[in-house]
Amino acid sequence: MSFIQELADKLAKDVLDSQDELKDDRFYEQVGKVLLSASPTLQEAYMTSIRIRLAEARGRDFLNRALKAKRDGSKAPDAPRDLSLGSGH
């Protein structure tokens, strides 16, 4: 990982970890604006880390719900519909 990616990923982790305390689940966007005004390169790396970390959290939540359903004998959660296939848009 490059120096910029390491900085951006550390900041992304810290921001996401702080959002509950701040009671603002979109606070990362404000930090992104601050970064954009100072360094578009760092802002791009930061937003990539944010998207990856948010996607991983959603994937992990889905996995945990599927495992819980299997263990409880209940219906497994449905995966989101793939909008890229035959949506007509």
C-alpha atoms as a PDB file:
ATOM      1  CA  MET A   1       0.000   0.000   0.000  1.00  0.00           C
ATOM      2  CA  SER A   2       1.307   3.445  -0.873  1.00  0.00           C
ATOM      3  CA  PHE A   3       1.813   6.180   1.694  1.00  0.00           C
ATOM      4  CA  ILE A   4      -1.276   8.045   0.456  1.00  0.00           C
ATOM      5  CA  GLN A   5      -3.424   4.915   0.591  1.00  0.00           C
ATOM      6  CA  GLU A   6      -2.228   4.144   4.114  1.00  0.00           C
ATOM      7  CA  LEU A   7      -3.033   7.671   5.312  1.00  0.00           C
ATOM      8  CA  ALA A   8      -6.415   7.640   3.598  1.00  0.00           C
ATOM      9  CA  ASP A   9      -7.369   4.206   4.921  1.00  0.00           C
ATOM     10  CA  LYS A  10      -6.370   5.068   8.491  1.00  0.00           C
ATOM     11  CA  LEU A  11      -8.424   8.260   8.327  1.00  0.00           C
ATOM     12  CA  ALA A  12     -11.376   6.384   6.792  1.00  0.00           C
ATOM     13  CA  LYS A  13     -11.284   3.815   9.606  1.00  0.00           C
ATOM     14  CA  ASP A  14     -11.084   6.511  12.270  1.00  0.00           C
ATOM     15  CA  VAL A  15     -13.924   8.539  10.728  1.00  0.00           C
ATOM     16  CA  LEU A  16     -16.229   5.514  10.395  1.00  0.00           C
ATOM     17  CA  ASP A  17     -15.416   4.468  13.964  1.00  0.00           C
ATOM     18  CA  SER A  18     -16.336   7.990  15.165  1.00  0.00           C
ATOM     19  CA  GLN A  19     -19.668   8.383  13.378  1.00  0.00           C
ATOM     20  CA  ASP A  20     -21.767   6.715  16.098  1.00  0.00           C
ATOM     21  CA  GLU A  21     -20.349   9.037  18.744  1.00  0.00           C
ATOM     22  CA  LEU A  22     -20.951  12.017  16.462  1.00  0.00           C
ATOM     23  CA  LYS A  23     -24.472  10.721  15.685  1.00  0.00           C
ATOM     24  CA  ASP A  24     -23.913  11.435  11.987  1.00  0.00           C
ATOM     25  CA  ASP A  25     -23.765   8.469   9.626  1.00  0.00           C
ATOM     26  CA  ARG A  26     -22.693  10.729   6.741  1.00  0.00           C
ATOM     27  CA  PHE A  27     -19.909  12.583   8.555  1.00  0.00           C
ATOM     28  CA  TYR A  28     -17.410  10.932   6.205  1.00  0.00           C
ATOM     29  CA  GLU A  29     -18.770  13.187   3.439  1.00  0.00           C
ATOM     30  CA  GLN A  30     -17.812  16.316   5.370  1.00  0.00           C
ATOM     31  CA  VAL A  31     -14.292  14.984   5.906  1.00  0.00           C
ATOM     32  CA  GLY A  32     -14.157  14.229   2.176  1.00  0.00           C
ATOM     33  CA  LYS A  33     -14.952  17.880   1.403  1.00  0.00           C
ATOM     34  CA  VAL A  34     -12.185  19.053   3.715  1.00  0.00           C
ATOM     35  CA  LEU A  35      -9.742  16.714   1.994  1.00  0.00           C
ATOM     36  CA  LEU A  36     -10.872  17.751  -1.486  1.00  0.00           C
ATOM     37  CA  SER A  37     -10.051  21.372  -0.765  1.00  0.00           C
ATOM     38  CA  ALA A  38      -6.564  20.394   0.418  1.00  0.00           C
ATOM     39  CA  SER A  39      -5.623  17.373  -1.688  1.00  0.00           C
ATOM     40  CA  PRO A  40      -7.827  15.822  -4.377  1.00  0.00           C
ATOM     41  CA  THR A  41      -5.446  12.842  -4.497  1.00  0.00           C
ATOM     42  CA  LEU A  42      -5.880  12.102  -0.791  1.00  0.00           C
ATOM     43  CA  GLN A  43      -9.639  12.701  -1.028  1.00  0.00           C
ATOM     44  CA  GLU A  44      -9.951  10.148  -3.837  1.00  0.00           C
ATOM     45  CA  ALA A  45      -7.999   7.528  -1.886  1.00  0.00           C
ATOM     46  CA  TYR A  46     -10.033   8.311   1.253  1.00  0.00           C
ATOM     47  CA  MET A  47     -13.379   7.951  -0.534  1.00  0.00           C
ATOM     48  CA  THR A  48     -12.226   4.656  -2.038  1.00  0.00           C
ATOM     49  CA  SER A  49     -11.369   3.383   1.444  1.00  0.00           C
ATOM     50  CA  ILE A  50     -14.731   4.604   2.754  1.00  0.00           C
ATOM     51  CA  ARG A  51     -16.628   2.794  -0.023  1.00  0.00           C
ATOM     52  CA  ILE A  52     -14.652  -0.411   0.499  1.00  0.00           C
ATOM     53  CA  ARG A  53     -15.123  -0.343   4.285  1.00  0.00           C
ATOM     54  CA  LEU A  54     -18.862   0.368   3.989  1.00  0.00           C
ATOM     55  CA  ALA A  55     -19.280  -2.407   1.412  1.00  0.00           C
ATOM     56  CA  GLU A  56     -17.369  -4.856   3.607  1.00  0.00           C
ATOM     57  CA  ALA A  57     -19.592  -3.964   6.576  1.00  0.00           C
ATOM     58  CA  ARG A  58     -22.724  -4.594   4.504  1.00  0.00           C
ATOM     59  CA  GLY A  59     -21.345  -7.887   3.239  1.00  0.00           C
ATOM     60  CA  ARG A  60     -20.403  -8.982   6.754  1.00  0.00           C
ATOM     61  CA  ASP A  61     -23.858  -8.034   8.057  1.00  0.00           C
ATOM     62  CA  PHE A  62     -25.474 -10.110   5.299  1.00  0.00           C
ATOM     63  CA  LEU A  63     -23.238 -13.076   6.135  1.00  0.00           C
ATOM     64  CA  ASN A  64     -24.075 -12.806   9.846  1.00  0.00           C
ATOM     65  CA  ARG A  65     -27.814 -12.622   9.144  1.00  0.00           C
ATOM     66  CA  ALA A  66     -27.612 -15.639   6.789  1.00  0.00           C
ATOM     67  CA  LEU A  67     -25.721 -17.689   9.380  1.00  0.00           C
ATOM     68  CA  LYS A  68     -28.163 -16.691  12.118  1.00  0.00           C
ATOM     69  CA  ALA A  69     -31.118 -17.710   9.922  1.00  0.00           C
ATOM     70  CA  LYS A  70     -29.504 -21.063   9.161  1.00  0.00           C
ATOM     71  CA  ARG A  71     -28.830 -21.735  12.844  1.00  0.00           C
ATOM     72  CA  ASP A  72     -32.321 -20.617  13.896  1.00  0.00           C
ATOM     73  CA  GLY A  73     -34.034 -22.500  11.075  1.00  0.00           C
ATOM     74  CA  SER A  74     -35.561 -19.300   9.743  1.00  0.00           C
ATOM     75  CA  LYS A  75     -35.627 -17.857   6.240  1.00  0.00           C
ATOM     76  CA  ALA A  76     -32.293 -16.576   4.999  1.00  0.00           C
ATOM     77  CA  PRO A  77     -32.133 -12.914   3.977  1.00  0.00           C
ATOM     78  CA  ASP A  78     -32.458 -12.117   0.297  1.00  0.00           C
ATOM     79  CA  ALA A  79     -29.467 -10.610  -1.449  1.00  0.00           C
ATOM     80  CA  PRO A  80     -30.129  -7.260  -3.125  1.00  0.00           C
ATOM     81  CA  ARG A  81     -31.417  -7.479  -6.649  1.00  0.00           C
ATOM     82  CA  ASP A  82     -28.722  -7.076  -9.322  1.00  0.00           C
ATOM     83  CA  LEU A  83     -29.770  -3.879 -11.051  1.00  0.00           C
ATOM     84  CA  SER A  84     -27.303  -4.355 -13.892  1.00  0.00           C
ATOM     85  CA  LEU A  85     -29.148  -7.400 -15.272  1.00  0.00           C
ATOM     86  CA  GLY A  86     -32.183  -6.749 -17.427  1.00  0.00           C
ATOM     87  CA  SER A  87     -33.442  -3.705 -15.600  1.00  0.00           C
ATOM     88  CA  GLY A  88     -34.047  -1.806 -18.815  1.00  0.00           C
ATOM     89  CA  HIS A  89     -32.181   1.235 -17.529  1.00  0.00           C
END
